[in-house]
Amino acid sequence: MATNRFQRTRDDHRRERAEDYVELIDTLIRETGEARAVDLANRLGISHVTVSRTVQRLQRDGYVTSQPYRSIFLTEKGLQVAAEARERHNLVHQFLLALGVPEDVAEIDAEGIEHHVSEQTLAAMRRFLERS
C-alpha cells in the first residue's frame, strides 16, 4: 500500500510541471495573444534554458507545438490539461476561502494542492461548497 502512495506522489510531481506550464501558456495567450519562452522564464523566475528543455518535453508529450524563435501554442491535449488544472485550482481556492483561509494564502496554497488532490477529495470539496 505504501508503495502505491509514493508512486502516486511521484506521478503527481511529474504532472505538476506539465500542468503549470500549459496553464501559464494558456494564461499568456489569453492576456497577450502569445506565449514566448522568455515570458515563461520571466513569470516562473527560471532560466530560458530550463524553459526550453521543458517546452521540448511538452512538445514530445503532445501538449504544445512550437518552432525556434516563435510563440508556443497549446494542442487540444494541452488545452484540455490547462482547463482541468484551472478548474481544480479554482475549486481548491474556493474551498480554502470557505474555510476562512485569507485570500493571499488560499491562492498560494491552492497552487500546490491542486496538483496532488484526488478526485475523491475534489468531489468532497464540491459537495462542501454546494452546501455552504
N, C-alpha and C. Protein backbone atom coordinates (compact mmCIF):
# COMPACT_ATOMS: atom_id res chain seq x y z
N MET A 1 0.82 -1.20 0.00
CA MET A 1 0.00 0.00 0.00
C MET A 1 0.86 1.26 0.00
N ALA A 2 1.90 1.30 0.83
CA ALA A 2 2.76 2.48 0.90
C ALA A 2 3.43 2.75 -0.43
N THR A 3 3.81 1.70 -1.14
CA THR A 3 4.45 1.87 -2.44
C THR A 3 3.54 2.61 -3.40
N ASN A 4 2.24 2.28 -3.40
CA ASN A 4 1.28 2.95 -4.26
C ASN A 4 1.16 4.43 -3.92
N ARG A 5 1.18 4.74 -2.63
CA ARG A 5 1.09 6.14 -2.19
C ARG A 5 2.28 6.93 -2.71
N PHE A 6 3.48 6.36 -2.58
CA PHE A 6 4.67 7.07 -3.05
C PHE A 6 4.70 7.17 -4.57
N GLN A 7 4.25 6.14 -5.24
CA GLN A 7 4.20 6.18 -6.71
C GLN A 7 3.25 7.28 -7.17
N ARG A 8 2.10 7.39 -6.51
CA ARG A 8 1.15 8.44 -6.88
C ARG A 8 1.78 9.82 -6.70
N THR A 9 2.50 9.99 -5.60
CA THR A 9 3.15 11.28 -5.36
C THR A 9 4.18 11.58 -6.44
N ARG A 10 4.98 10.60 -6.81
CA ARG A 10 5.97 10.82 -7.89
C ARG A 10 5.27 11.16 -9.21
N ASP A 11 4.19 10.44 -9.51
CA ASP A 11 3.44 10.74 -10.73
C ASP A 11 2.85 12.14 -10.69
N ASP A 12 2.34 12.53 -9.51
CA ASP A 12 1.78 13.89 -9.35
C ASP A 12 2.83 14.95 -9.61
N HIS A 13 4.06 14.73 -9.12
CA HIS A 13 5.13 15.71 -9.33
C HIS A 13 5.47 15.84 -10.81
N ARG A 14 5.49 14.74 -11.53
CA ARG A 14 5.77 14.81 -12.98
C ARG A 14 4.68 15.59 -13.70
N ARG A 15 3.42 15.32 -13.34
CA ARG A 15 2.30 16.00 -13.97
C ARG A 15 2.26 17.48 -13.59
N GLU A 16 2.70 17.79 -12.40
CA GLU A 16 2.64 19.16 -11.89
C GLU A 16 3.36 20.14 -12.82
N ARG A 17 4.55 19.80 -13.23
CA ARG A 17 5.31 20.71 -14.10
C ARG A 17 4.56 20.93 -15.41
N ALA A 18 4.08 19.85 -16.02
CA ALA A 18 3.36 19.99 -17.29
C ALA A 18 2.11 20.85 -17.10
N GLU A 19 1.38 20.61 -16.02
CA GLU A 19 0.17 21.39 -15.76
C GLU A 19 0.48 22.86 -15.53
N ASP A 20 1.51 23.15 -14.76
CA ASP A 20 1.89 24.55 -14.51
C ASP A 20 2.24 25.25 -15.82
N TYR A 21 3.00 24.59 -16.65
CA TYR A 21 3.40 25.19 -17.92
C TYR A 21 2.22 25.42 -18.84
N VAL A 22 1.38 24.40 -19.05
CA VAL A 22 0.28 24.58 -20.00
C VAL A 22 -0.72 25.61 -19.48
N GLU A 23 -0.92 25.64 -18.16
CA GLU A 23 -1.81 26.64 -17.60
C GLU A 23 -1.24 28.05 -17.81
N LEU A 24 0.06 28.21 -17.59
CA LEU A 24 0.69 29.52 -17.81
C LEU A 24 0.70 29.90 -19.29
N ILE A 25 0.97 28.95 -20.15
CA ILE A 25 0.93 29.22 -21.60
C ILE A 25 -0.46 29.70 -21.99
N ASP A 26 -1.48 29.02 -21.50
CA ASP A 26 -2.86 29.41 -21.79
C ASP A 26 -3.13 30.82 -21.27
N THR A 27 -2.69 31.12 -20.06
CA THR A 27 -2.89 32.45 -19.48
C THR A 27 -2.19 33.52 -20.31
N LEU A 28 -0.94 33.27 -20.70
CA LEU A 28 -0.20 34.24 -21.51
C LEU A 28 -0.90 34.50 -22.85
N ILE A 29 -1.38 33.44 -23.48
CA ILE A 29 -2.08 33.60 -24.76
C ILE A 29 -3.34 34.44 -24.56
N ARG A 30 -4.06 34.18 -23.48
CA ARG A 30 -5.29 34.94 -23.20
C ARG A 30 -4.98 36.41 -22.91
N GLU A 31 -3.89 36.64 -22.17
CA GLU A 31 -3.55 38.01 -21.75
C GLU A 31 -2.87 38.82 -22.85
N THR A 32 -1.96 38.19 -23.59
CA THR A 32 -1.13 38.95 -24.53
C THR A 32 -1.24 38.51 -25.98
N GLY A 33 -1.94 37.40 -26.21
CA GLY A 33 -2.09 36.90 -27.58
C GLY A 33 -1.02 35.92 -27.99
N GLU A 34 0.00 35.74 -27.13
CA GLU A 34 1.06 34.78 -27.45
C GLU A 34 1.77 34.35 -26.18
N ALA A 35 2.45 33.21 -26.30
CA ALA A 35 3.27 32.72 -25.19
C ALA A 35 4.67 32.46 -25.75
N ARG A 36 5.63 33.20 -25.23
CA ARG A 36 7.01 33.03 -25.66
C ARG A 36 7.83 32.46 -24.51
N ALA A 37 8.88 31.76 -24.86
CA ALA A 37 9.74 31.15 -23.84
C ALA A 37 10.26 32.20 -22.86
N VAL A 38 10.62 33.36 -23.35
CA VAL A 38 11.14 34.41 -22.48
C VAL A 38 10.08 34.86 -21.47
N ASP A 39 8.81 34.89 -21.90
CA ASP A 39 7.73 35.26 -20.99
C ASP A 39 7.53 34.20 -19.92
N LEU A 40 7.61 32.93 -20.32
CA LEU A 40 7.51 31.84 -19.35
C LEU A 40 8.64 31.93 -18.33
N ALA A 41 9.85 32.15 -18.81
CA ALA A 41 11.01 32.24 -17.92
C ALA A 41 10.84 33.39 -16.93
N ASN A 42 10.38 34.53 -17.41
CA ASN A 42 10.18 35.68 -16.53
C ASN A 42 9.11 35.42 -15.49
N ARG A 43 7.98 34.86 -15.90
CA ARG A 43 6.88 34.61 -14.97
C ARG A 43 7.24 33.56 -13.93
N LEU A 44 7.99 32.53 -14.36
CA LEU A 44 8.34 31.44 -13.46
C LEU A 44 9.61 31.72 -12.66
N GLY A 45 10.37 32.74 -13.07
CA GLY A 45 11.61 33.08 -12.38
C GLY A 45 12.68 32.03 -12.58
N ILE A 46 12.74 31.47 -13.78
CA ILE A 46 13.73 30.44 -14.11
C ILE A 46 14.45 30.82 -15.40
N SER A 47 15.46 30.06 -15.74
CA SER A 47 16.25 30.39 -16.92
C SER A 47 15.54 30.00 -18.21
N HIS A 48 15.92 30.68 -19.27
CA HIS A 48 15.39 30.41 -20.60
C HIS A 48 15.74 28.97 -21.01
N VAL A 49 16.90 28.50 -20.62
CA VAL A 49 17.34 27.13 -20.95
C VAL A 49 16.41 26.10 -20.30
N THR A 50 16.05 26.33 -19.04
CA THR A 50 15.14 25.43 -18.35
C THR A 50 13.79 25.40 -19.05
N VAL A 51 13.29 26.57 -19.43
CA VAL A 51 12.03 26.65 -20.15
C VAL A 51 12.13 25.90 -21.47
N SER A 52 13.21 26.10 -22.20
CA SER A 52 13.37 25.44 -23.50
C SER A 52 13.35 23.92 -23.36
N ARG A 53 14.03 23.40 -22.36
CA ARG A 53 14.04 21.95 -22.14
C ARG A 53 12.65 21.43 -21.79
N THR A 54 11.96 22.16 -20.95
CA THR A 54 10.63 21.73 -20.55
C THR A 54 9.66 21.82 -21.72
N VAL A 55 9.74 22.86 -22.51
CA VAL A 55 8.88 23.00 -23.69
C VAL A 55 9.15 21.87 -24.67
N GLN A 56 10.40 21.47 -24.83
CA GLN A 56 10.71 20.32 -25.69
C GLN A 56 10.02 19.06 -25.19
N ARG A 57 10.04 18.85 -23.87
CA ARG A 57 9.35 17.69 -23.29
C ARG A 57 7.84 17.78 -23.51
N LEU A 58 7.29 18.97 -23.31
CA LEU A 58 5.86 19.17 -23.51
C LEU A 58 5.48 18.92 -24.97
N GLN A 59 6.36 19.32 -25.86
CA GLN A 59 6.12 19.08 -27.28
C GLN A 59 6.17 17.57 -27.57
N ARG A 60 7.16 16.91 -27.04
CA ARG A 60 7.30 15.46 -27.22
C ARG A 60 6.08 14.72 -26.67
N ASP A 61 5.53 15.22 -25.55
CA ASP A 61 4.39 14.57 -24.91
C ASP A 61 3.05 15.00 -25.50
N GLY A 62 3.08 15.90 -26.49
CA GLY A 62 1.86 16.27 -27.20
C GLY A 62 1.04 17.38 -26.60
N TYR A 63 1.62 18.17 -25.69
CA TYR A 63 0.88 19.26 -25.07
C TYR A 63 0.99 20.58 -25.83
N VAL A 64 2.12 20.80 -26.51
CA VAL A 64 2.36 22.08 -27.18
C VAL A 64 2.99 21.85 -28.55
N THR A 65 2.92 22.89 -29.35
CA THR A 65 3.70 22.95 -30.58
C THR A 65 4.50 24.24 -30.52
N SER A 66 5.67 24.22 -31.09
CA SER A 66 6.50 25.42 -31.14
C SER A 66 7.56 25.25 -32.20
N GLN A 67 8.11 26.37 -32.61
CA GLN A 67 9.22 26.40 -33.54
C GLN A 67 10.24 27.37 -32.97
N PRO A 68 11.52 27.17 -33.31
CA PRO A 68 12.54 28.09 -32.78
C PRO A 68 12.19 29.55 -33.07
N TYR A 69 12.35 30.38 -32.05
CA TYR A 69 12.12 31.82 -32.13
C TYR A 69 10.67 32.19 -32.46
N ARG A 70 9.74 31.30 -32.13
CA ARG A 70 8.33 31.54 -32.37
C ARG A 70 7.55 31.34 -31.07
N SER A 71 6.30 31.70 -31.10
CA SER A 71 5.44 31.51 -29.95
C SER A 71 5.20 30.02 -29.70
N ILE A 72 4.69 29.72 -28.53
CA ILE A 72 4.34 28.37 -28.13
C ILE A 72 2.82 28.28 -28.15
N PHE A 73 2.31 27.20 -28.73
CA PHE A 73 0.87 27.01 -28.86
C PHE A 73 0.46 25.71 -28.18
N LEU A 74 -0.71 25.71 -27.57
CA LEU A 74 -1.23 24.50 -26.95
C LEU A 74 -1.94 23.64 -27.98
N THR A 75 -1.75 22.35 -27.88
CA THR A 75 -2.50 21.40 -28.69
C THR A 75 -3.86 21.20 -28.01
N GLU A 76 -4.72 20.40 -28.61
CA GLU A 76 -6.00 20.08 -27.97
C GLU A 76 -5.75 19.43 -26.61
N LYS A 77 -4.76 18.53 -26.57
CA LYS A 77 -4.41 17.87 -25.31
C LYS A 77 -3.94 18.90 -24.28
N GLY A 78 -3.12 19.84 -24.70
CA GLY A 78 -2.64 20.90 -23.80
C GLY A 78 -3.76 21.80 -23.31
N LEU A 79 -4.68 22.14 -24.21
CA LEU A 79 -5.82 22.96 -23.82
C LEU A 79 -6.68 22.24 -22.78
N GLN A 80 -6.87 20.94 -22.97
CA GLN A 80 -7.67 20.15 -22.03
C GLN A 80 -7.00 20.12 -20.65
N VAL A 81 -5.70 19.88 -20.63
CA VAL A 81 -4.97 19.82 -19.37
C VAL A 81 -5.00 21.18 -18.67
N ALA A 82 -4.84 22.25 -19.43
CA ALA A 82 -4.88 23.60 -18.85
C ALA A 82 -6.25 23.88 -18.23
N ALA A 83 -7.31 23.50 -18.93
CA ALA A 83 -8.67 23.73 -18.42
C ALA A 83 -8.91 22.92 -17.15
N GLU A 84 -8.47 21.67 -17.14
CA GLU A 84 -8.65 20.83 -15.96
C GLU A 84 -7.86 21.36 -14.77
N ALA A 85 -6.63 21.81 -15.02
CA ALA A 85 -5.81 22.36 -13.93
C ALA A 85 -6.43 23.64 -13.38
N ARG A 86 -6.93 24.48 -14.27
CA ARG A 86 -7.56 25.73 -13.83
C ARG A 86 -8.82 25.43 -13.02
N GLU A 87 -9.60 24.46 -13.45
CA GLU A 87 -10.81 24.09 -12.72
C GLU A 87 -10.47 23.56 -11.32
N ARG A 88 -9.47 22.68 -11.23
CA ARG A 88 -9.05 22.17 -9.92
C ARG A 88 -8.56 23.29 -9.03
N HIS A 89 -7.74 24.19 -9.61
CA HIS A 89 -7.21 25.32 -8.85
C HIS A 89 -8.36 26.16 -8.28
N ASN A 90 -9.33 26.48 -9.13
CA ASN A 90 -10.45 27.32 -8.68
C ASN A 90 -11.25 26.64 -7.59
N LEU A 91 -11.48 25.34 -7.72
CA LEU A 91 -12.23 24.61 -6.71
C LEU A 91 -11.48 24.59 -5.38
N VAL A 92 -10.20 24.27 -5.41
CA VAL A 92 -9.40 24.25 -4.18
C VAL A 92 -9.35 25.64 -3.57
N HIS A 93 -9.16 26.65 -4.39
CA HIS A 93 -9.10 28.04 -3.92
C HIS A 93 -10.41 28.42 -3.22
N GLN A 94 -11.54 28.12 -3.86
CA GLN A 94 -12.85 28.44 -3.26
C GLN A 94 -13.08 27.68 -1.96
N PHE A 95 -12.64 26.42 -1.92
CA PHE A 95 -12.76 25.62 -0.72
C PHE A 95 -11.96 26.24 0.43
N LEU A 96 -10.74 26.62 0.15
CA LEU A 96 -9.90 27.22 1.19
C LEU A 96 -10.50 28.53 1.69
N LEU A 97 -11.03 29.33 0.78
CA LEU A 97 -11.69 30.58 1.19
C LEU A 97 -12.89 30.29 2.07
N ALA A 98 -13.66 29.24 1.73
CA ALA A 98 -14.84 28.88 2.52
C ALA A 98 -14.45 28.43 3.92
N LEU A 99 -13.24 27.91 4.07
CA LEU A 99 -12.75 27.52 5.38
C LEU A 99 -12.24 28.70 6.20
N GLY A 100 -12.14 29.87 5.55
CA GLY A 100 -11.68 31.05 6.25
C GLY A 100 -10.21 31.39 6.04
N VAL A 101 -9.58 30.70 5.10
CA VAL A 101 -8.17 30.99 4.79
C VAL A 101 -8.12 32.34 4.07
N PRO A 102 -7.20 33.23 4.45
CA PRO A 102 -7.08 34.53 3.77
C PRO A 102 -6.79 34.36 2.27
N GLU A 103 -7.30 35.29 1.48
CA GLU A 103 -7.19 35.24 0.02
C GLU A 103 -5.77 34.97 -0.47
N ASP A 104 -4.80 35.73 0.01
CA ASP A 104 -3.43 35.57 -0.49
C ASP A 104 -2.86 34.20 -0.14
N VAL A 105 -3.17 33.70 1.03
CA VAL A 105 -2.68 32.38 1.44
C VAL A 105 -3.41 31.29 0.65
N ALA A 106 -4.72 31.45 0.46
CA ALA A 106 -5.51 30.47 -0.29
C ALA A 106 -5.00 30.35 -1.72
N GLU A 107 -4.63 31.45 -2.31
CA GLU A 107 -4.13 31.43 -3.70
C GLU A 107 -2.82 30.65 -3.78
N ILE A 108 -1.91 30.91 -2.87
CA ILE A 108 -0.62 30.22 -2.87
C ILE A 108 -0.80 28.74 -2.56
N ASP A 109 -1.60 28.43 -1.55
CA ASP A 109 -1.81 27.03 -1.16
C ASP A 109 -2.53 26.25 -2.27
N ALA A 110 -3.50 26.87 -2.91
CA ALA A 110 -4.23 26.19 -3.98
C ALA A 110 -3.29 25.79 -5.11
N GLU A 111 -2.29 26.60 -5.36
CA GLU A 111 -1.33 26.30 -6.43
C GLU A 111 -0.60 25.00 -6.18
N GLY A 112 -0.33 24.67 -4.95
CA GLY A 112 0.34 23.41 -4.66
C GLY A 112 -0.62 22.25 -4.51
N ILE A 113 -1.73 22.50 -3.84
CA ILE A 113 -2.69 21.43 -3.57
C ILE A 113 -3.33 20.91 -4.84
N GLU A 114 -3.62 21.79 -5.79
CA GLU A 114 -4.36 21.41 -6.99
C GLU A 114 -3.72 20.24 -7.74
N HIS A 115 -2.43 20.07 -7.62
CA HIS A 115 -1.74 19.02 -8.37
C HIS A 115 -1.71 17.68 -7.65
N HIS A 116 -2.06 17.68 -6.39
CA HIS A 116 -1.90 16.47 -5.58
C HIS A 116 -3.21 15.97 -4.98
N VAL A 117 -4.29 16.64 -5.24
CA VAL A 117 -5.57 16.28 -4.64
C VAL A 117 -6.25 15.20 -5.50
N SER A 118 -6.85 14.22 -4.84
CA SER A 118 -7.51 13.12 -5.54
C SER A 118 -8.89 13.56 -6.04
N GLU A 119 -9.42 12.79 -6.95
CA GLU A 119 -10.78 13.04 -7.45
C GLU A 119 -11.80 12.92 -6.33
N GLN A 120 -11.58 11.97 -5.41
CA GLN A 120 -12.49 11.80 -4.28
C GLN A 120 -12.50 13.05 -3.40
N THR A 121 -11.33 13.60 -3.14
CA THR A 121 -11.25 14.81 -2.32
C THR A 121 -11.87 15.99 -3.04
N LEU A 122 -11.64 16.11 -4.34
CA LEU A 122 -12.26 17.19 -5.11
C LEU A 122 -13.78 17.08 -5.05
N ALA A 123 -14.30 15.87 -5.16
CA ALA A 123 -15.75 15.67 -5.08
C ALA A 123 -16.27 16.09 -3.72
N ALA A 124 -15.54 15.76 -2.65
CA ALA A 124 -15.94 16.17 -1.31
C ALA A 124 -15.90 17.69 -1.17
N MET A 125 -14.90 18.33 -1.75
CA MET A 125 -14.83 19.79 -1.72
C MET A 125 -16.03 20.40 -2.44
N ARG A 126 -16.39 19.85 -3.60
CA ARG A 126 -17.55 20.34 -4.35
C ARG A 126 -18.82 20.23 -3.50
N ARG A 127 -19.01 19.07 -2.89
CA ARG A 127 -20.20 18.87 -2.05
C ARG A 127 -20.23 19.87 -0.90
N PHE A 128 -19.09 20.09 -0.28
CA PHE A 128 -18.98 21.04 0.83
C PHE A 128 -19.39 22.44 0.35
N LEU A 129 -18.86 22.85 -0.81
CA LEU A 129 -19.15 24.19 -1.31
C LEU A 129 -20.61 24.33 -1.72
N GLU A 130 -21.20 23.26 -2.25
CA GLU A 130 -22.61 23.31 -2.64
C GLU A 130 -23.52 23.48 -1.43
N ARG A 131 -23.12 22.92 -0.29
CA ARG A 131 -23.91 23.04 0.95
C ARG A 131 -23.71 24.38 1.63
N SER A 132 -22.61 25.04 1.34
CA SER A 132 -22.28 26.32 2.01
C SER A 132 -23.13 27.45 1.52
